[in-house]
N, C-alpha and C. Protein backbone atom coordinates (compact mmCIF):
# COMPACT_ATOMS: atom_id res chain seq x y z
N UNK A 1 -9.71 28.56 -10.28
CA UNK A 1 -9.81 28.61 -9.19
C UNK A 1 -8.89 28.12 -8.04
N UNK A 2 -9.49 28.81 -6.89
CA UNK A 2 -8.17 28.25 -5.80
C UNK A 2 -8.35 27.28 -5.31
N UNK A 3 -9.43 25.98 -5.16
CA UNK A 3 -9.66 25.17 -4.58
C UNK A 3 -9.27 23.80 -5.65
N UNK A 4 -8.54 24.22 -6.33
CA UNK A 4 -7.85 22.79 -7.32
C UNK A 4 -7.23 22.10 -6.33
N UNK A 5 -7.36 20.51 -6.58
CA UNK A 5 -6.72 19.54 -5.81
C UNK A 5 -5.30 19.44 -6.35
N UNK A 6 -4.32 19.29 -5.64
CA UNK A 6 -2.85 19.25 -5.70
C UNK A 6 -2.66 17.67 -6.63
N UNK A 7 -1.95 17.42 -7.50
CA UNK A 7 -2.06 16.24 -8.27
C UNK A 7 -0.72 15.70 -8.14
N UNK A 8 0.43 16.99 -7.51
CA UNK A 8 1.79 16.59 -7.19
C UNK A 8 2.25 15.95 -6.10
N UNK A 9 1.18 15.58 -5.26
CA UNK A 9 1.64 15.06 -3.88
C UNK A 9 2.24 13.62 -4.19
N UNK A 10 3.21 13.46 -3.38
CA UNK A 10 3.86 12.13 -3.72
C UNK A 10 3.51 11.01 -2.46
N UNK A 11 3.78 9.80 -2.99
CA UNK A 11 3.16 8.94 -1.92
C UNK A 11 4.38 9.05 -1.00
N UNK A 12 5.59 9.38 -1.29
CA UNK A 12 6.69 9.43 -0.08
C UNK A 12 6.32 10.37 0.79
N UNK A 13 5.56 11.55 0.65
CA UNK A 13 5.01 12.67 1.61
C UNK A 13 4.19 12.23 2.50
N UNK A 14 3.57 11.38 2.24
CA UNK A 14 2.37 10.76 3.10
C UNK A 14 2.65 9.07 3.47
N UNK A 15 3.98 8.65 3.23
CA UNK A 15 3.95 7.75 3.58
C UNK A 15 3.90 7.12 4.96
N UNK A 16 4.61 7.97 5.89
CA UNK A 16 4.27 7.77 7.49
C UNK A 16 3.12 7.89 7.55
N UNK A 17 2.38 8.46 7.17
CA UNK A 17 0.94 8.60 7.88
C UNK A 17 -0.04 7.55 7.41
N UNK A 18 -0.02 6.92 6.06
CA UNK A 18 -0.34 5.82 5.63
C UNK A 18 -0.06 4.50 5.93
N UNK A 19 1.22 4.30 6.66
CA UNK A 19 1.63 3.15 7.12
C UNK A 19 1.06 3.03 8.60
N UNK A 20 0.72 4.12 9.29
CA UNK A 20 -0.12 3.91 10.46
C UNK A 20 -1.68 3.96 10.24
N UNK A 21 -2.16 4.20 9.43
CA UNK A 21 -3.77 4.01 9.08
C UNK A 21 -3.84 2.90 8.09
N UNK A 22 -3.05 2.29 7.29
CA UNK A 22 -3.76 1.71 6.35
C UNK A 22 -3.59 -0.23 6.77
N UNK A 23 -4.38 -0.85 6.83
CA UNK A 23 -4.35 -2.22 7.12
C UNK A 23 -4.79 -3.02 5.85
N UNK A 24 -4.46 -4.43 6.06
CA UNK A 24 -4.76 -5.48 5.38
C UNK A 24 -6.16 -5.40 5.12
N UNK A 25 -7.03 -5.80 3.80
CA UNK A 25 -8.38 -6.19 3.86
C UNK A 25 -8.57 -7.26 4.04
N UNK A 26 -7.93 -8.18 3.81
CA UNK A 26 -7.95 -9.54 4.28
C UNK A 26 -7.97 -10.07 5.69
N UNK A 27 -7.03 -9.40 6.37
CA UNK A 27 -6.58 -10.09 7.57
C UNK A 27 -6.70 -8.99 9.00
N UNK A 28 -6.71 -7.68 8.25
CA UNK A 28 -6.95 -6.53 9.43
C UNK A 28 -5.78 -6.23 9.90
N UNK A 29 -4.47 -6.74 9.54
CA UNK A 29 -3.32 -6.53 9.88
C UNK A 29 -2.41 -5.27 9.35
N UNK A 30 -1.47 -4.95 10.21
CA UNK A 30 -0.49 -3.65 9.41
C UNK A 30 -0.16 -3.99 8.12
N UNK A 31 0.35 -3.23 7.66
CA UNK A 31 0.57 -3.19 6.10
C UNK A 31 2.23 -2.45 6.47
N UNK A 32 3.19 -3.12 5.55
CA UNK A 32 4.66 -2.60 5.70
C UNK A 32 4.95 -2.01 4.05
N UNK A 33 5.69 -0.82 4.10
CA UNK A 33 5.81 -0.21 2.71
C UNK A 33 7.29 -0.91 2.24
N UNK A 34 7.08 -1.55 1.12
CA UNK A 34 8.34 -1.92 0.39
C UNK A 34 8.79 -1.06 -0.79
N UNK A 35 9.71 -0.53 -0.61
CA UNK A 35 10.00 0.84 -1.57
C UNK A 35 10.56 0.38 -2.48
N UNK A 36 11.46 -0.99 -2.46
CA UNK A 36 11.66 -1.41 -3.73
C UNK A 36 10.88 -1.82 -4.67
N UNK A 37 9.93 -2.51 -4.39
CA UNK A 37 8.90 -2.86 -5.55
C UNK A 37 7.58 -2.20 -5.43
N UNK A 38 7.84 -0.88 -4.64
CA UNK A 38 6.42 0.04 -4.52
C UNK A 38 5.30 -0.80 -4.09
N UNK A 39 5.27 -1.51 -3.03
CA UNK A 39 3.87 -1.92 -2.79
C UNK A 39 3.87 -2.20 -1.39
N UNK A 40 2.30 -2.44 -0.75
CA UNK A 40 2.48 -2.43 0.56
C UNK A 40 2.25 -4.14 0.78
N UNK A 41 2.98 -4.52 1.72
CA UNK A 41 3.15 -5.97 2.34
C UNK A 41 2.42 -6.39 3.68
N UNK A 42 1.53 -7.43 3.31
CA UNK A 42 0.93 -8.30 4.66
C UNK A 42 1.54 -9.45 4.68
N UNK A 43 2.41 -9.26 5.79
CA UNK A 43 3.12 -10.53 6.21
C UNK A 43 2.06 -11.57 6.58
N UNK A 44 0.94 -11.29 7.40
CA UNK A 44 -0.04 -12.19 7.78
C UNK A 44 -0.86 -12.89 6.72
N UNK A 45 -1.23 -12.14 5.75
CA UNK A 45 -1.73 -12.76 4.32
C UNK A 45 -0.99 -13.00 3.38
N UNK A 46 0.46 -12.95 3.45
CA UNK A 46 1.28 -13.33 2.30
C UNK A 46 0.92 -12.71 1.16
N UNK A 47 0.63 -11.41 1.16
CA UNK A 47 0.11 -10.42 0.14
C UNK A 47 0.80 -9.21 -0.18
N UNK A 48 1.16 -8.61 -1.09
CA UNK A 48 1.74 -7.62 -1.50
C UNK A 48 0.89 -6.73 -2.24
N UNK A 49 0.36 -5.76 -2.08
CA UNK A 49 -0.82 -4.60 -2.50
C UNK A 49 -0.05 -3.84 -3.43
N UNK A 50 -0.33 -3.67 -4.69
CA UNK A 50 0.53 -2.79 -5.41
C UNK A 50 -0.09 -1.12 -5.31
N UNK A 51 0.94 -0.36 -5.89
CA UNK A 51 0.49 1.06 -5.66
C UNK A 51 0.67 1.67 -7.18
N UNK A 52 -0.17 2.09 -7.52
CA UNK A 52 -0.53 2.71 -8.79
C UNK A 52 -0.66 4.04 -9.00
N UNK A 53 -0.18 5.03 -9.42
CA UNK A 53 -0.60 6.53 -9.86
C UNK A 53 -0.16 7.07 -8.18
N UNK A 54 0.55 6.44 -7.51
CA UNK A 54 0.54 6.98 -5.78
C UNK A 54 -0.72 6.60 -5.24
N UNK A 55 -1.48 5.43 -5.56
CA UNK A 55 -2.61 5.21 -4.84
C UNK A 55 -2.30 3.49 -4.67
N UNK A 56 -2.48 3.44 -3.02
CA UNK A 56 -2.60 2.03 -2.82
C UNK A 56 -3.69 1.19 -3.48
N UNK A 57 -3.73 -0.03 -4.23
CA UNK A 57 -4.70 -0.67 -4.18
C UNK A 57 -4.87 -1.93 -3.75
N UNK A 58 -5.87 -1.56 -2.43
CA UNK A 58 -6.02 -2.51 -1.22
C UNK A 58 -7.20 -3.43 -1.66
N UNK A 59 -7.04 -4.23 -2.81
CA UNK A 59 -8.12 -5.22 -3.20
C UNK A 59 -7.01 -6.71 -3.35
N UNK A 60 -7.94 -7.56 -2.20
CA UNK A 60 -7.03 -8.92 -2.28
C UNK A 60 -6.92 -9.52 -3.55
N UNK A 61 -7.78 -9.20 -4.60
CA UNK A 61 -7.70 -10.07 -5.88
C UNK A 61 -6.82 -9.39 -6.78
N UNK A 62 -6.40 -8.21 -6.31
CA UNK A 62 -5.29 -7.51 -7.36
C UNK A 62 -3.80 -7.54 -6.38
N UNK A 63 -3.76 -8.28 -5.61
CA UNK A 63 -2.61 -8.49 -4.57
C UNK A 63 -1.98 -9.66 -5.45
N UNK A 64 -0.44 -9.32 -5.02
CA UNK A 64 0.46 -10.41 -5.70
C UNK A 64 0.59 -11.07 -4.25
N UNK A 65 0.45 -12.49 -4.78
CA UNK A 65 0.97 -13.64 -3.40
C UNK A 65 2.55 -13.64 -3.34
N UNK A 66 2.78 -13.41 -1.98
CA UNK A 66 4.25 -13.61 -1.57
C UNK A 66 4.54 -14.93 -1.47
N UNK A 67 5.66 -15.27 -2.04
CA UNK A 67 6.47 -16.67 -2.20
C UNK A 67 6.56 -16.91 -0.53
N UNK A 68 6.51 -18.26 -0.40
CA UNK A 68 6.83 -18.96 1.11
C UNK A 68 7.99 -19.13 1.45
N UNK A 69 7.99 -19.13 2.55
CA UNK A 69 9.99 -18.74 3.20
C UNK A 69 10.04 -20.81 3.35
N UNK A 70 9.00 -21.23 3.30
CA UNK A 70 9.42 -22.88 3.62
C UNK A 70 10.25 -23.55 2.15
């Protein structure tokens, strides 16, 4: 079949588009991509959302809490 979905599309290929449209589900604020940890960061919520199999997991109870700067 010619209508097969591509499974080799990488997150990096769509990163610019994703960072423009993804928002934090808790605060509605913009997310920043953290390449080193492969996650999306919400500075406002102090949460880091993991990326698994090139899919951002934007579920608050699956996010990692960021350490406070204080």
